[in-house]
Each structure stands twice: as C-alpha cells, then as structure tokens.
Protein backbone atom coordinates (compact mmCIF):
# COMPACT_ATOMS: atom_id res chain seq x y z
CA MET A 1 10.21 -24.46 5.92
CA GLN A 2 12.28 -21.04 6.32
CA GLU A 3 14.20 -21.71 3.05
CA GLU A 4 11.04 -22.58 1.58
CA ALA A 5 9.30 -19.58 2.66
CA LEU A 6 11.90 -17.64 1.10
CA LYS A 7 11.05 -18.65 -2.31
CA TYR A 8 7.37 -17.06 -2.13
CA ILE A 9 8.45 -13.84 0.07
CA GLY A 10 8.12 -12.10 -3.01
CA ILE A 11 4.52 -12.85 -3.14
CA VAL A 12 3.96 -11.56 0.58
CA LYS A 13 5.80 -8.23 -0.60
CA SER A 14 3.49 -7.48 -3.58
CA ILE A 15 0.18 -8.39 -1.79
CA THR A 16 1.59 -6.07 1.01
CA SER A 17 2.65 -3.31 -0.91
CA LYS A 18 -0.85 -3.32 -2.10
CA TYR A 19 -2.59 -2.59 1.15
CA SER A 20 0.23 -0.60 2.85
CA PHE A 21 -1.46 2.65 2.30
CA ARG A 22 -4.07 1.67 4.48
CA SER A 23 -1.96 0.18 7.49
CA ASP A 24 1.39 0.09 8.68
CA TYR A 25 3.69 -2.14 6.04
CA ASP A 26 5.68 -3.89 8.59
CA ASP A 27 2.49 -4.98 10.42
CA LEU A 28 1.05 -6.24 7.11
CA PHE A 29 4.34 -7.88 5.90
CA GLN A 30 4.25 -9.92 9.36
CA ALA A 31 0.63 -10.79 9.05
CA GLY A 32 1.36 -11.93 5.03
CA MET A 33 4.60 -14.10 6.74
CA LEU A 34 2.02 -15.40 9.08
CA GLY A 35 -0.36 -16.64 6.25
CA LEU A 36 2.62 -18.24 4.02
CA GLN A 37 3.69 -20.09 6.75
CA THR A 38 -0.09 -21.45 7.22
CA ALA A 39 0.01 -22.46 3.71
CA LEU A 40 3.06 -24.06 3.77
CA GLN A 41 1.96 -26.38 7.01
CA LYS A 42 -1.56 -27.15 5.48
CA TYR A 43 -0.43 -27.64 1.99
CA ASP A 44 -1.46 -31.15 0.24
CA SER A 45 0.82 -31.78 -2.64
CA SER A 46 -1.66 -34.55 -3.56
CA LYS A 47 -4.31 -32.00 -4.28
CA GLU A 48 -4.68 -30.89 -7.68
CA THR A 49 -3.93 -27.36 -7.03
CA ASN A 50 -1.13 -25.04 -7.41
CA PHE A 51 0.72 -23.95 -4.38
CA THR A 52 1.47 -20.12 -5.37
CA ASP A 53 -2.87 -19.81 -5.98
CA TYR A 54 -3.04 -21.49 -2.52
CA ALA A 55 -0.41 -19.60 -0.64
CA TYR A 56 -1.93 -16.31 -2.21
CA LEU A 57 -5.37 -17.08 -0.84
CA TRP A 58 -3.73 -17.46 2.76
CA ILE A 59 -1.62 -14.53 2.33
CA LYS A 60 -4.26 -12.33 1.56
CA GLY A 61 -6.57 -13.56 4.06
CA GLU A 62 -4.11 -12.83 6.89
CA VAL A 63 -3.08 -9.39 5.47
CA LEU A 64 -6.85 -8.37 4.98
CA LYS A 65 -7.53 -9.75 8.69
CA ALA A 66 -4.53 -7.08 9.58
CA VAL A 67 -6.22 -4.22 7.82
CA ASN A 68 -9.39 -5.06 9.48
CA ASN A 69 -8.37 -4.86 12.94
CA ASN A 70 -6.69 -1.74 11.94
CA TYR A 71 -9.70 -0.17 10.65
CA GLN A 72 -12.18 -1.09 13.65
CA VAL A 73 -9.70 0.64 16.19
CA HIS A 74 -9.74 4.11 14.80
CA ILE A 75 -13.67 4.12 14.24
CA PRO A 76 -14.67 6.92 15.96
CA SER A 77 -17.48 6.41 18.45
CA ASP A 78 -20.17 8.39 16.81
CA ILE A 79 -19.74 6.86 13.65
CA TYR A 80 -19.99 3.40 15.12
CA LYS A 81 -23.12 4.15 17.02
CA LEU A 82 -24.89 5.36 13.97
CA SER A 83 -23.39 2.30 11.75
CA LYS A 84 -25.21 -0.04 14.54
CA ASP A 85 -28.49 2.11 13.97
CA ILE A 86 -27.82 1.60 10.12
CA LYS A 87 -27.35 -2.34 10.87
CA ASP A 88 -30.35 -2.37 13.05
CA ALA A 89 -32.64 -0.63 10.47
CA ARG A 90 -31.05 -3.02 7.57
CA GLU A 91 -32.15 -6.11 9.37
CA TYR A 92 -35.72 -4.48 10.38
CA LEU A 93 -36.56 -3.40 7.16
CA SER A 94 -34.98 -6.38 5.36
CA GLN A 95 -37.69 -8.62 7.62
CA ASN A 96 -40.34 -6.46 6.85
CA LEU A 97 -40.19 -6.03 3.08
CA GLY A 98 -38.76 -9.54 2.51
CA ARG A 99 -35.51 -8.07 0.55
CA GLU A 100 -32.61 -6.10 1.30
CA PRO A 101 -33.63 -2.40 1.74
CA THR A 102 -31.97 0.33 -0.20
CA THR A 103 -29.55 3.17 1.14
CA LEU A 104 -32.72 5.57 0.38
CA GLU A 105 -35.38 3.42 2.24
CA ILE A 106 -32.53 3.28 5.25
CA ALA A 107 -32.06 6.99 5.19
CA TYR A 108 -35.91 7.77 5.09
CA PHE A 109 -36.26 5.04 7.98
CA LEU A 110 -33.65 6.60 10.26
CA GLY A 111 -34.34 10.52 9.32
CA ILE A 112 -30.75 10.98 7.51
CA SER A 113 -29.64 11.92 4.08
CA GLU A 114 -29.02 8.79 1.96
CA GLU A 115 -25.34 10.60 1.35
CA LYS A 116 -24.72 10.06 5.11
CA VAL A 117 -26.04 6.39 5.10
CA ILE A 118 -23.34 5.52 2.27
CA SER A 119 -20.72 7.39 3.73
CA ILE A 120 -21.24 5.73 7.06
CA MET A 121 -21.62 2.31 5.70
CA ASN A 122 -18.27 3.07 3.61
CA ALA A 123 -16.12 4.19 6.51
CA VAL A 124 -17.13 0.78 8.46
CA THR A 125 -16.98 -1.46 6.16
CA THR A 126 -13.80 -3.60 6.41
CA PRO A 127 -11.99 -4.51 3.28
CA TYR A 128 -13.68 -8.11 2.15
CA SER A 129 -12.40 -10.72 0.03
CA LEU A 130 -13.99 -13.69 -1.29
CA ASP A 131 -11.05 -15.60 -0.70
CA ASN A 132 -11.88 -15.41 3.14
CA SER A 133 -15.20 -17.73 2.65
CA TYR A 134 -12.80 -20.46 1.98
CA LEU A 135 -10.03 -19.83 4.92
CA ASP A 136 -11.67 -22.09 7.61
CA ASP A 137 -11.97 -25.26 5.50
CA ASP A 138 -9.47 -26.73 3.53
CA TYR A 139 -11.33 -29.16 1.72
CA ASN A 140 -13.51 -26.60 0.10
CA LEU A 141 -10.21 -24.08 -0.55
CA TYR A 142 -8.56 -26.70 -2.19
CA ASN A 143 -11.46 -27.93 -4.52
CA LYS A 144 -12.75 -24.55 -5.00
CA ILE A 145 -9.43 -23.33 -6.90
CA ALA A 146 -8.89 -26.75 -8.51
CA LEU A 147 -12.50 -26.34 -9.84
CA ILE A 148 -11.73 -22.77 -10.97
CA GLU A 149 -8.58 -23.88 -12.68
CA LYS A 150 -9.91 -26.21 -14.53
CA GLY A 151 -12.90 -24.28 -15.65
CA TYR A 152 -15.22 -27.18 -14.16
CA ASP A 153 -17.16 -24.64 -11.56
CA VAL A 154 -20.81 -24.48 -12.74
CA GLY A 155 -21.38 -21.41 -10.52
CA VAL A 156 -18.19 -19.67 -11.68
CA LEU A 157 -19.19 -20.39 -15.31
CA ASP A 158 -22.40 -18.54 -14.74
CA LEU A 159 -20.75 -15.90 -13.02
CA LYS A 160 -18.24 -15.30 -15.65
CA GLU A 161 -21.23 -15.36 -18.50
CA ALA A 162 -23.42 -13.05 -16.33
CA ILE A 163 -20.53 -10.56 -16.16
CA MET A 164 -19.51 -10.85 -19.98
CA GLY A 165 -23.07 -10.00 -20.57
CA LEU A 166 -23.02 -6.68 -18.68
CA GLU A 167 -22.66 -3.35 -20.59
CA GLU A 168 -19.06 -1.91 -20.78
CA SER A 169 -19.12 0.59 -18.23
CA GLU A 170 -20.74 -2.26 -15.66
CA ARG A 171 -18.12 -4.48 -16.13
CA ALA A 172 -15.45 -1.71 -15.65
CA LEU A 173 -17.10 -1.05 -12.38
CA ILE A 174 -17.27 -4.65 -11.42
CA THR A 175 -13.77 -4.86 -12.51
CA SER A 176 -12.40 -2.06 -10.37
CA ARG A 177 -14.34 -2.76 -7.10
CA TYR A 178 -14.30 -6.95 -6.92
CA TYR A 179 -11.30 -7.54 -9.08
CA GLN A 180 -8.97 -4.78 -8.29
CA ASP A 181 -10.06 -3.88 -4.77
CA MET A 182 -10.59 -0.49 -5.45
CA THR A 183 -12.83 1.60 -3.11
CA GLN A 184 -16.27 3.46 -4.11
CA GLN A 185 -14.36 6.62 -4.25
CA GLU A 186 -11.17 5.31 -6.25
CA THR A 187 -13.72 3.69 -8.68
CA ALA A 188 -15.91 7.03 -9.10
CA ASP A 189 -12.85 8.92 -9.99
CA ILE A 190 -11.64 6.67 -12.43
CA LEU A 191 -15.21 6.34 -13.76
CA GLY A 192 -15.86 9.99 -13.59
CA LEU A 193 -18.90 9.46 -11.05
CA SER A 194 -19.53 10.67 -7.83
CA GLN A 195 -19.42 7.75 -4.82
CA VAL A 196 -22.90 7.92 -4.68
CA GLN A 197 -23.51 7.44 -8.21
CA VAL A 198 -20.88 4.38 -8.31
CA SER A 199 -22.80 2.98 -4.75
CA ARG A 200 -26.06 2.96 -6.51
CA LYS A 201 -24.82 1.45 -9.91
CA GLU A 202 -23.21 -1.06 -8.23
CA ASN A 203 -26.04 -2.33 -5.94
CA LYS A 204 -28.09 -2.38 -9.18
CA ILE A 205 -25.37 -4.64 -11.09
CA LEU A 206 -25.22 -6.94 -8.02
CA GLU A 207 -28.57 -7.50 -8.19
CA LYS A 208 -28.84 -7.69 -12.10
CA LEU A 209 -25.59 -10.79 -11.72
CA LYS A 210 -27.62 -12.13 -8.62
CA SER A 211 -31.31 -12.73 -10.56
CA LYS A 212 -28.91 -14.09 -13.61
CA VAL A 213 -26.90 -16.56 -11.84
CA ALA A 214 -29.71 -17.51 -10.13
C-alpha cells in the first residue's frame, strides 16, 4: 500500500500547499497522507468512480479538518463568547421569524454593529467543504461522484443551471467563494468590494440559488 500511496503523493502536496498559509505545512501534509491511506483502504474498484477523484475528497477532508482544529485552538475567549451570543441570537430569531435572520437583524438584536457581527462570524467560521458531508457514508460518496461524472444527478444539474443563470458578477463571487475556496476578504479584494458587501451579496445570491433549485 505504501508504494501505491507514492503514486498519489502529488495530490496530497497540491492540496496541502493550497492551505499551508493557514496552518503548519507538515501537519497538513500528515493529515493529507492520512486521508490518502483511508481512501486506499476504502476504495472499491467495482464502483463507477475514479480513484483520483475519490482520494481527493478524503485528502481534502482530512486537511480541512486539521485546519479547523488549528483555528479552534487560536480563537480568543472574548471572540468565542460573542460568537456564542451570535449563534444563540441566530437560533432564537430563526424560530421567531420563521426564516434565517440577516446579519443586520442579529446585530440589532444584540445591540452591536452589523460589521462586528460579520467579522466575528468570519473569525470563527471554519473552512467548509461540501465534500465533508459525504465522508461518513461510503455509499453516498461513491454514488455522488459517479452521478456527477455522468451528469445524471438532477440536483447537481439544477444547481449548475441556476448558477449559469446568475449575473456575471454574481457567478464571479460564487466561483471565488465556493470553487476556489477564497475567504470573503480575498474575494472582496479581487472584486473591488468591501468584506461587508461581499457578505451581503453572497447571502442574497445563495437565497436566489435556493429558490431556483427548490
């Protein structure tokens, strides 16, 4: 298995390098190798899934998990407390409004600025990947990848169509945030916007996509 792993070490290095500015490279590399080893153990060649794609999900999932753990350790106590207040306010407002509250509504409820709410939410938000939702279920993982490759997944097709229907500036924002794993600030720098503007636009675009897919 060790010799087999060496064939795909380039993928581990590629993913690790992408997130090395957030955590120690060596730690992330070890996490990526763990993901690769797991992929090698769990891969079923009888499934209609390319091993490289399958391994990529496991490697990236372990690397992101390592990044997440690193972030959680360094969150100051005052920011952590305020993030908990925001989380509680968000849940309370969701129940009473019957929908997801806006950052402005959360800010008004807590008596703080909207910019403060957004900055705290960004500070404690761990890197998220849609890949992670499949890591606990081999069947879903295999079939999801296979369906995407074949273009048969109705939900994926609907989402692609919805994204193609966005304005060019909206597609650029979504591409930066969800396809290139950029932060809101990095996206803001590229698009010539403020972080607050990116956050507001992103929320609106996601709501638009949800309504189209639904």
